[in-house]
Amino acid sequence: MIRQILAVVDDSAAALRAAQLAIDLASVVGAGLTLVTVVEDHVLDARLGAASIPEAAERRVQGAVAMMTRITARASLRGLQTHQEILSGRGAEQVLATAVRFGADLIVVGRDPGGNASVNLAHLLEFTGVPVLVVPAGDSGAGPAVTYSGS
């Protein structure tokens, strides 16, 4: 039985599809929903700092807050309450620690074909202790259809 879903979100098309699928699934099975994004990338911060963009980290946090607000509003339309976590550090490690902290039964994550995701998918899959639903970026032409038997 799925009681708690953790959805990894960023501004990629795949992550936004994954978030919508997590919302749909949580609504169908009556699960709790935690939304997680990782905004800090220390390598990127160093490169942006060298490029004289000191406010880049602050802008990423503002973008993460705006994205979480939009996704939370979508979940609210389905009658769901969410918990949101904006994390910093190594993406997969932060997601795995949050999954343990919230008792996630399922992690839902998008697969960005451009490799720009905030979470290293291979690392996440290798070290997770719960099932991971990987959602591709491509559009199937229809919205996600979620059914669940409860068994």
Protein backbone atom coordinates (compact mmCIF):
# COMPACT_ATOMS: atom_id res chain seq x y z
CA MET A 1 0.00 0.00 0.00
CA ILE A 2 1.25 3.48 -0.86
CA ARG A 3 0.81 5.90 2.04
CA GLN A 4 3.45 8.54 1.29
CA ILE A 5 4.76 9.73 -2.09
CA LEU A 6 7.82 11.88 -2.53
CA ALA A 7 7.98 13.77 -5.85
CA VAL A 8 11.26 15.27 -7.01
CA VAL A 9 10.57 18.49 -8.89
CA ASP A 10 12.52 21.06 -10.85
CA ASP A 11 11.64 23.20 -13.84
CA SER A 12 12.25 20.51 -16.47
CA ALA A 13 9.37 19.14 -18.53
CA ALA A 14 10.03 15.64 -17.18
CA ALA A 15 9.92 16.80 -13.54
CA LEU A 16 6.71 18.74 -14.09
CA ARG A 17 5.12 15.64 -15.68
CA ALA A 18 6.38 13.59 -12.72
CA ALA A 19 4.86 16.07 -10.28
CA GLN A 20 1.49 15.87 -12.04
CA LEU A 21 1.64 12.08 -12.05
CA ALA A 22 2.49 12.09 -8.32
CA ILE A 23 -0.49 14.39 -7.67
CA ASP A 24 -2.80 12.10 -9.66
CA LEU A 25 -1.50 8.98 -7.93
CA ALA A 26 -1.70 10.50 -4.43
CA SER A 27 -5.27 11.56 -5.17
CA VAL A 28 -6.30 8.09 -6.35
CA VAL A 29 -4.69 6.12 -3.50
CA GLY A 30 -5.21 8.68 -0.72
CA ALA A 31 -1.49 9.06 -0.05
CA GLY A 32 0.36 11.98 1.44
CA LEU A 33 2.52 13.99 -0.94
CA THR A 34 5.89 15.56 -0.28
CA LEU A 35 7.43 17.79 -2.95
CA VAL A 36 11.21 18.11 -2.97
CA THR A 37 13.54 20.27 -5.04
CA VAL A 38 17.29 20.75 -4.75
CA VAL A 39 18.48 24.25 -5.64
CA GLU A 40 22.11 24.32 -4.62
CA ASP A 41 24.74 23.04 -6.98
CA HIS A 42 28.10 24.05 -5.56
CA VAL A 43 29.89 23.51 -8.87
CA LEU A 44 27.36 25.71 -10.64
CA ASP A 45 27.57 28.34 -7.86
CA ALA A 46 31.34 28.53 -8.30
CA ARG A 47 31.03 28.92 -12.08
CA LEU A 48 28.31 31.56 -11.78
CA GLY A 49 30.31 33.42 -9.14
CA ALA A 50 33.31 33.43 -11.46
CA ALA A 51 31.04 34.81 -14.18
CA SER A 52 30.09 37.72 -11.87
CA ILE A 53 26.49 36.69 -11.25
CA PRO A 54 26.39 36.92 -7.45
CA GLU A 55 22.58 36.91 -7.19
CA ALA A 56 22.22 33.64 -9.15
CA ALA A 57 21.76 31.47 -6.03
CA GLU A 58 19.06 33.80 -4.71
CA ARG A 59 17.28 33.72 -8.06
CA ARG A 60 17.32 29.91 -8.08
CA VAL A 61 15.72 29.86 -4.63
CA GLN A 62 13.06 32.34 -5.76
CA GLY A 63 12.40 30.18 -8.82
CA ALA A 64 12.11 27.07 -6.65
CA VAL A 65 9.59 28.80 -4.37
CA ALA A 66 7.52 29.91 -7.38
CA MET A 67 7.61 26.41 -8.88
CA MET A 68 6.60 24.80 -5.56
CA THR A 69 3.74 27.28 -5.26
CA ARG A 70 2.41 26.33 -8.72
CA ILE A 71 2.66 22.59 -8.06
CA THR A 72 1.11 22.94 -4.61
CA ALA A 73 -1.80 24.82 -6.18
CA ARG A 74 -2.31 21.93 -8.63
CA ALA A 75 -2.34 19.47 -5.73
CA SER A 76 -4.83 21.65 -3.83
CA LEU A 77 -7.21 21.49 -6.78
CA ARG A 78 -7.24 17.69 -6.26
CA GLY A 79 -7.93 18.11 -2.54
CA LEU A 80 -4.37 17.24 -1.49
CA GLN A 81 -2.28 18.87 1.17
CA THR A 82 1.43 18.76 0.47
CA HIS A 83 4.64 19.23 2.35
CA GLN A 84 7.36 21.08 0.46
CA GLU A 85 11.11 20.84 0.96
CA ILE A 86 13.61 23.12 -0.79
CA LEU A 87 16.96 21.47 -0.19
CA SER A 88 20.61 22.21 -0.86
CA GLY A 89 23.53 19.90 -1.38
CA ARG A 90 23.95 16.80 -3.49
CA GLY A 91 20.58 16.11 -5.09
CA ALA A 92 20.23 12.33 -4.82
CA GLU A 93 21.60 12.22 -1.27
CA GLN A 94 19.18 14.94 -0.16
CA VAL A 95 16.22 13.20 -1.82
CA LEU A 96 17.08 9.84 -0.26
CA ALA A 97 17.45 11.37 3.22
CA THR A 98 14.12 13.17 2.83
CA ALA A 99 12.42 9.97 1.66
CA VAL A 100 13.58 8.24 4.84
CA ARG A 101 12.59 11.20 7.05
CA PHE A 102 9.03 11.30 5.65
CA GLY A 103 8.61 7.52 5.34
CA ALA A 104 8.07 7.62 1.57
CA ASP A 105 6.72 4.41 0.05
CA LEU A 106 7.38 5.69 -3.48
CA ILE A 107 9.65 8.27 -5.10
CA VAL A 108 8.46 9.86 -8.35
CA VAL A 109 11.10 11.57 -10.47
CA GLY A 110 11.33 12.87 -14.03
CA ARG A 111 14.03 11.72 -16.45
CA ASP A 112 15.50 14.74 -18.21
CA PRO A 113 17.05 13.58 -21.49
CA GLY A 114 19.29 16.66 -21.51
CA GLY A 115 20.94 15.59 -18.28
CA ASN A 116 20.09 18.89 -16.59
CA ALA A 117 18.19 17.42 -13.64
CA SER A 118 19.09 18.50 -10.12
CA VAL A 119 19.21 14.85 -9.02
CA ASN A 120 21.59 12.19 -10.31
CA LEU A 121 19.06 9.53 -11.33
CA ALA A 122 21.59 6.67 -11.42
CA HIS A 123 22.69 7.49 -7.87
CA LEU A 124 19.09 7.72 -6.70
CA LEU A 125 18.20 4.34 -8.23
CA GLU A 126 21.32 2.65 -6.88
CA PHE A 127 20.89 3.69 -3.26
CA THR A 128 17.13 3.92 -2.73
CA GLY A 129 15.30 1.58 -0.41
CA VAL A 130 11.86 2.21 -1.94
CA PRO A 131 10.38 1.90 -5.43
CA VAL A 132 11.12 4.75 -7.84
CA LEU A 133 8.74 5.71 -10.64
CA VAL A 134 10.76 7.35 -13.43
CA VAL A 135 8.67 9.59 -15.70
CA PRO A 136 10.00 10.45 -19.18
CA ALA A 137 9.83 13.97 -20.55
CA GLY A 138 7.89 13.06 -23.70
CA ASP A 139 4.19 13.79 -23.95
CA SER A 140 2.02 10.77 -24.65
CA GLY A 141 -0.65 13.04 -26.09
CA ALA A 142 -2.96 12.56 -23.13
CA GLY A 143 -2.79 13.40 -19.46
CA PRO A 144 -1.52 10.76 -17.08
CA ALA A 145 -4.04 8.04 -16.34
CA VAL A 146 -3.58 6.58 -12.89
CA THR A 147 -5.38 3.54 -11.56
CA TYR A 148 -4.47 1.53 -8.49
CA SER A 149 -5.91 -1.69 -7.13
CA GLY A 150 -4.53 -1.25 -3.61
CA SER A 151 -2.86 -4.66 -3.62
